[in-house]
N, C-alpha and C. Protein backbone atom coordinates (compact mmCIF):
# COMPACT_ATOMS: atom_id res chain seq x y z
N UNK A 1 -8.00 10.34 -7.17
CA UNK A 1 -8.16 10.14 -5.73
C UNK A 1 -6.79 10.33 -5.06
N UNK A 2 -6.79 10.96 -3.94
CA UNK A 2 -5.52 11.21 -3.25
C UNK A 2 -5.10 9.98 -2.44
N UNK A 3 -3.81 9.85 -2.25
CA UNK A 3 -3.27 8.77 -1.42
C UNK A 3 -3.66 9.06 0.03
N UNK A 4 -4.12 8.03 0.73
CA UNK A 4 -4.59 8.16 2.11
C UNK A 4 -3.50 7.69 3.06
N UNK A 5 -3.28 8.44 4.13
CA UNK A 5 -2.38 7.99 5.20
C UNK A 5 -3.23 7.38 6.30
N UNK A 6 -3.03 6.08 6.53
CA UNK A 6 -3.82 5.37 7.53
C UNK A 6 -3.04 5.24 8.83
N UNK A 7 -3.78 5.09 9.92
CA UNK A 7 -3.18 4.87 11.24
C UNK A 7 -3.67 3.52 11.77
N UNK A 8 -3.12 3.11 12.92
CA UNK A 8 -3.60 1.88 13.55
C UNK A 8 -5.12 1.95 13.77
N UNK A 9 -5.63 3.16 14.05
CA UNK A 9 -7.05 3.33 14.35
C UNK A 9 -7.92 3.33 13.08
N UNK A 10 -7.40 3.82 11.96
CA UNK A 10 -8.24 3.98 10.76
C UNK A 10 -8.03 2.88 9.73
N UNK A 11 -7.02 2.03 9.91
CA UNK A 11 -6.61 1.07 8.89
C UNK A 11 -7.75 0.18 8.39
N UNK A 12 -8.47 -0.45 9.31
CA UNK A 12 -9.52 -1.40 8.92
C UNK A 12 -10.56 -0.73 8.02
N UNK A 13 -10.96 0.50 8.36
CA UNK A 13 -11.93 1.22 7.53
C UNK A 13 -11.40 1.53 6.15
N UNK A 14 -10.10 1.81 6.05
CA UNK A 14 -9.51 2.19 4.76
C UNK A 14 -9.44 1.02 3.78
N UNK A 15 -9.33 -0.21 4.28
CA UNK A 15 -9.14 -1.36 3.37
C UNK A 15 -10.39 -2.23 3.22
N UNK A 16 -11.50 -1.84 3.85
CA UNK A 16 -12.65 -2.75 3.87
C UNK A 16 -13.42 -2.87 2.57
N UNK A 17 -13.29 -1.89 1.66
CA UNK A 17 -14.06 -1.95 0.41
C UNK A 17 -13.17 -1.81 -0.82
N UNK A 18 -13.45 -2.64 -1.82
CA UNK A 18 -12.76 -2.54 -3.10
C UNK A 18 -11.32 -3.02 -3.06
N UNK A 19 -10.56 -2.65 -4.08
CA UNK A 19 -9.14 -3.03 -4.20
C UNK A 19 -8.30 -1.89 -3.63
N UNK A 20 -7.45 -2.23 -2.66
CA UNK A 20 -6.63 -1.24 -1.97
C UNK A 20 -5.18 -1.68 -1.98
N UNK A 21 -4.29 -0.80 -2.42
CA UNK A 21 -2.84 -1.04 -2.36
C UNK A 21 -2.32 -0.34 -1.12
N UNK A 22 -1.75 -1.13 -0.19
CA UNK A 22 -1.23 -0.57 1.05
C UNK A 22 0.29 -0.61 1.04
N UNK A 23 0.89 0.55 1.26
CA UNK A 23 2.35 0.70 1.31
C UNK A 23 2.77 0.89 2.77
N UNK A 24 3.47 -0.12 3.32
CA UNK A 24 4.08 0.03 4.65
C UNK A 24 5.46 0.63 4.44
N UNK A 25 5.71 1.81 5.05
CA UNK A 25 6.91 2.59 4.77
C UNK A 25 7.39 3.31 6.02
N UNK A 26 8.54 3.98 5.89
CA UNK A 26 9.05 4.86 6.95
C UNK A 26 9.82 6.00 6.28
N UNK A 27 9.86 7.18 6.92
CA UNK A 27 10.51 8.34 6.30
C UNK A 27 12.02 8.17 6.10
N UNK A 28 12.67 7.31 6.87
CA UNK A 28 14.12 7.12 6.78
C UNK A 28 14.52 6.05 5.76
N UNK A 29 13.55 5.44 5.11
CA UNK A 29 13.79 4.30 4.20
C UNK A 29 14.02 4.78 2.78
N UNK A 30 15.22 4.54 2.23
CA UNK A 30 15.56 4.96 0.87
C UNK A 30 14.64 4.40 -0.20
N UNK A 31 14.46 3.06 -0.26
CA UNK A 31 13.56 2.50 -1.28
C UNK A 31 12.12 3.01 -1.14
N UNK A 32 11.71 3.35 0.10
CA UNK A 32 10.36 3.90 0.31
C UNK A 32 10.24 5.26 -0.38
N UNK A 33 11.31 6.06 -0.30
CA UNK A 33 11.30 7.37 -0.97
C UNK A 33 11.26 7.19 -2.48
N UNK A 34 11.95 6.14 -2.98
CA UNK A 34 11.98 5.88 -4.43
C UNK A 34 10.61 5.45 -4.96
N UNK A 35 9.87 4.70 -4.15
CA UNK A 35 8.58 4.18 -4.63
C UNK A 35 7.44 5.19 -4.49
N UNK A 36 7.63 6.23 -3.67
CA UNK A 36 6.55 7.21 -3.44
C UNK A 36 6.02 7.83 -4.74
N UNK A 37 6.89 8.34 -5.65
CA UNK A 37 6.34 8.90 -6.90
C UNK A 37 5.69 7.83 -7.79
N UNK A 38 6.16 6.60 -7.70
CA UNK A 38 5.56 5.49 -8.47
C UNK A 38 4.12 5.26 -7.98
N UNK A 39 3.94 5.31 -6.65
CA UNK A 39 2.61 5.12 -6.08
C UNK A 39 1.67 6.25 -6.51
N UNK A 40 2.20 7.47 -6.62
CA UNK A 40 1.38 8.58 -7.08
C UNK A 40 0.94 8.37 -8.53
N UNK A 41 1.83 7.83 -9.36
CA UNK A 41 1.46 7.53 -10.76
C UNK A 41 0.39 6.44 -10.81
N UNK A 42 0.57 5.39 -10.01
CA UNK A 42 -0.41 4.30 -9.96
C UNK A 42 -1.76 4.85 -9.50
N UNK A 43 -1.73 5.72 -8.50
CA UNK A 43 -2.96 6.32 -7.98
C UNK A 43 -3.70 7.10 -9.07
N UNK A 44 -2.94 7.86 -9.87
CA UNK A 44 -3.56 8.63 -10.97
C UNK A 44 -4.07 7.70 -12.07
N UNK A 45 -3.25 6.72 -12.43
CA UNK A 45 -3.60 5.84 -13.55
C UNK A 45 -4.80 4.95 -13.24
N UNK A 46 -4.91 4.49 -12.01
CA UNK A 46 -5.99 3.58 -11.63
C UNK A 46 -7.03 4.26 -10.74
N UNK A 47 -7.13 5.58 -10.83
CA UNK A 47 -8.10 6.33 -10.03
C UNK A 47 -9.50 5.80 -10.27
N UNK A 48 -10.23 5.60 -9.18
CA UNK A 48 -11.59 5.08 -9.29
C UNK A 48 -11.64 3.56 -9.26
N UNK A 49 -10.51 2.90 -9.51
CA UNK A 49 -10.46 1.43 -9.51
C UNK A 49 -9.70 0.91 -8.30
N UNK A 50 -8.65 1.65 -7.90
CA UNK A 50 -7.78 1.22 -6.81
C UNK A 50 -7.56 2.40 -5.86
N UNK A 51 -7.60 2.11 -4.58
CA UNK A 51 -7.28 3.11 -3.56
C UNK A 51 -5.86 2.83 -3.07
N UNK A 52 -5.06 3.88 -2.91
CA UNK A 52 -3.69 3.72 -2.41
C UNK A 52 -3.64 4.27 -0.98
N UNK A 53 -3.14 3.43 -0.07
CA UNK A 53 -3.05 3.78 1.35
C UNK A 53 -1.63 3.59 1.82
N UNK A 54 -1.11 4.56 2.58
CA UNK A 54 0.23 4.45 3.14
C UNK A 54 0.14 4.31 4.65
N UNK A 55 1.00 3.43 5.21
CA UNK A 55 1.06 3.24 6.66
C UNK A 55 2.51 3.43 7.10
N UNK A 56 2.75 4.45 7.90
CA UNK A 56 4.08 4.70 8.46
C UNK A 56 4.31 3.69 9.59
N UNK A 57 5.29 2.79 9.40
CA UNK A 57 5.50 1.70 10.37
C UNK A 57 6.02 2.22 11.72
N UNK A 58 6.72 3.35 11.71
CA UNK A 58 7.21 3.92 12.97
C UNK A 58 6.06 4.43 13.83
N UNK A 59 5.07 5.05 13.18
CA UNK A 59 3.93 5.63 13.90
C UNK A 59 2.81 4.63 14.16
N UNK A 60 2.79 3.53 13.42
CA UNK A 60 1.69 2.56 13.50
C UNK A 60 2.20 1.12 13.62
N UNK A 61 2.95 0.83 14.69
CA UNK A 61 3.57 -0.50 14.82
C UNK A 61 2.56 -1.64 14.98
N UNK A 62 1.38 -1.33 15.48
CA UNK A 62 0.36 -2.36 15.70
C UNK A 62 -0.07 -2.99 14.37
N UNK A 63 -0.38 -2.14 13.39
CA UNK A 63 -0.83 -2.62 12.08
C UNK A 63 0.31 -3.34 11.36
N UNK A 64 1.52 -2.76 11.40
CA UNK A 64 2.67 -3.39 10.76
C UNK A 64 2.93 -4.77 11.37
N UNK A 65 2.82 -4.87 12.68
CA UNK A 65 3.03 -6.15 13.36
C UNK A 65 1.96 -7.17 13.02
N UNK A 66 0.73 -6.72 12.92
CA UNK A 66 -0.40 -7.61 12.61
C UNK A 66 -0.19 -8.32 11.27
N UNK A 67 0.43 -7.60 10.32
CA UNK A 67 0.64 -8.18 8.99
C UNK A 67 2.06 -8.71 8.79
N UNK A 68 2.84 -8.77 9.88
CA UNK A 68 4.17 -9.38 9.82
C UNK A 68 5.15 -8.64 8.93
N UNK A 69 5.05 -7.31 8.88
CA UNK A 69 5.95 -6.52 8.05
C UNK A 69 7.34 -6.54 8.68
N UNK A 70 8.31 -7.14 7.97
CA UNK A 70 9.67 -7.27 8.48
C UNK A 70 10.65 -6.34 7.77
N UNK A 71 10.36 -6.01 6.51
CA UNK A 71 11.20 -5.08 5.78
C UNK A 71 10.29 -4.15 4.98
N UNK A 72 10.82 -2.97 4.67
CA UNK A 72 10.00 -1.99 3.97
C UNK A 72 10.76 -1.48 2.75
N UNK A 73 10.06 -1.04 1.71
CA UNK A 73 8.61 -1.04 1.62
C UNK A 73 8.03 -2.44 1.40
N UNK A 74 6.94 -2.71 2.10
CA UNK A 74 6.14 -3.91 1.85
C UNK A 74 4.78 -3.41 1.37
N UNK A 75 4.32 -3.97 0.26
CA UNK A 75 3.04 -3.56 -0.31
C UNK A 75 2.08 -4.74 -0.31
N UNK A 76 0.91 -4.51 0.24
CA UNK A 76 -0.15 -5.51 0.26
C UNK A 76 -1.27 -5.06 -0.66
N UNK A 77 -1.92 -6.02 -1.32
CA UNK A 77 -3.14 -5.74 -2.07
C UNK A 77 -4.29 -6.35 -1.26
N UNK A 78 -5.24 -5.50 -0.91
CA UNK A 78 -6.44 -5.95 -0.21
C UNK A 78 -7.61 -5.89 -1.18
N UNK A 79 -8.52 -6.85 -1.04
CA UNK A 79 -9.77 -6.81 -1.79
C UNK A 79 -10.89 -7.05 -0.79
N UNK A 80 -11.71 -6.03 -0.61
CA UNK A 80 -12.82 -6.09 0.36
C UNK A 80 -12.35 -6.56 1.74
N UNK A 81 -11.25 -6.00 2.19
CA UNK A 81 -10.76 -6.25 3.54
C UNK A 81 -9.85 -7.45 3.71
N UNK A 82 -9.67 -8.25 2.66
CA UNK A 82 -8.82 -9.45 2.74
C UNK A 82 -7.54 -9.26 1.94
N UNK A 83 -6.41 -9.74 2.48
CA UNK A 83 -5.15 -9.70 1.73
C UNK A 83 -5.21 -10.70 0.58
N UNK A 84 -4.96 -10.21 -0.64
CA UNK A 84 -4.99 -11.10 -1.81
C UNK A 84 -3.63 -11.17 -2.50
N UNK A 85 -2.71 -10.26 -2.17
CA UNK A 85 -1.39 -10.27 -2.78
C UNK A 85 -0.42 -9.44 -1.95
N UNK A 86 0.89 -9.65 -2.21
CA UNK A 86 1.92 -8.95 -1.43
C UNK A 86 3.21 -8.91 -2.23
N UNK A 87 3.96 -7.82 -2.08
CA UNK A 87 5.29 -7.72 -2.68
C UNK A 87 6.16 -6.91 -1.74
N UNK A 88 7.46 -7.20 -1.75
CA UNK A 88 8.40 -6.51 -0.86
C UNK A 88 9.48 -5.84 -1.69
N UNK A 89 9.83 -4.61 -1.32
CA UNK A 89 10.89 -3.88 -2.00
C UNK A 89 10.36 -2.98 -3.10
N UNK A 90 11.26 -2.19 -3.66
CA UNK A 90 10.88 -1.27 -4.73
C UNK A 90 10.33 -2.04 -5.92
N UNK A 91 9.25 -1.53 -6.50
CA UNK A 91 8.66 -2.13 -7.70
C UNK A 91 8.41 -1.02 -8.71
N UNK A 92 8.73 -1.26 -9.99
CA UNK A 92 8.39 -0.26 -11.01
C UNK A 92 6.88 -0.19 -11.20
N UNK A 93 6.41 0.90 -11.78
CA UNK A 93 4.97 1.11 -11.96
C UNK A 93 4.31 -0.05 -12.71
N UNK A 94 4.97 -0.53 -13.76
CA UNK A 94 4.39 -1.61 -14.57
C UNK A 94 4.12 -2.85 -13.71
N UNK A 95 5.05 -3.16 -12.81
CA UNK A 95 4.88 -4.34 -11.95
C UNK A 95 3.69 -4.15 -11.00
N UNK A 96 3.56 -2.94 -10.45
CA UNK A 96 2.45 -2.69 -9.53
C UNK A 96 1.11 -2.70 -10.26
N UNK A 97 1.06 -2.11 -11.44
CA UNK A 97 -0.18 -2.12 -12.22
C UNK A 97 -0.56 -3.55 -12.58
N UNK A 98 0.43 -4.37 -12.95
CA UNK A 98 0.17 -5.78 -13.25
C UNK A 98 -0.35 -6.54 -12.05
N UNK A 99 0.26 -6.28 -10.88
CA UNK A 99 -0.15 -6.93 -9.63
C UNK A 99 -1.60 -6.57 -9.31
N UNK A 100 -1.93 -5.30 -9.45
CA UNK A 100 -3.29 -4.83 -9.13
C UNK A 100 -4.32 -5.30 -10.15
N UNK A 101 -3.93 -5.35 -11.42
CA UNK A 101 -4.86 -5.72 -12.50
C UNK A 101 -5.45 -7.11 -12.29
N UNK A 102 -4.69 -8.00 -11.67
CA UNK A 102 -5.19 -9.36 -11.41
C UNK A 102 -6.41 -9.37 -10.50
N UNK A 103 -6.59 -8.29 -9.74
CA UNK A 103 -7.64 -8.28 -8.72
C UNK A 103 -8.78 -7.31 -9.02
N UNK A 104 -8.73 -6.69 -10.20
CA UNK A 104 -9.79 -5.73 -10.56
C UNK A 104 -10.97 -6.43 -11.21
């Protein structure tokens, strides 16, 4: 499954079903660039079990504000539309897979 880019308008629909990893990021953020290939690996490894969604905080300030995103990257785990976990900063693939596995 491909990584989805969500907007303020599409966000709720993207996270309403199943387990979703949401990456709040910006193009100018160094750690965000570092975690991008990790998210692609997670997306491939957990395809069919987890959906990966990215939200550009510069383009979608409403959604970032709603979830109190203060630093990026901030990653939220949603399960059926509800936040069930959160982590801030670069995370290696193993840490993200472990975080997600708790909610599958």
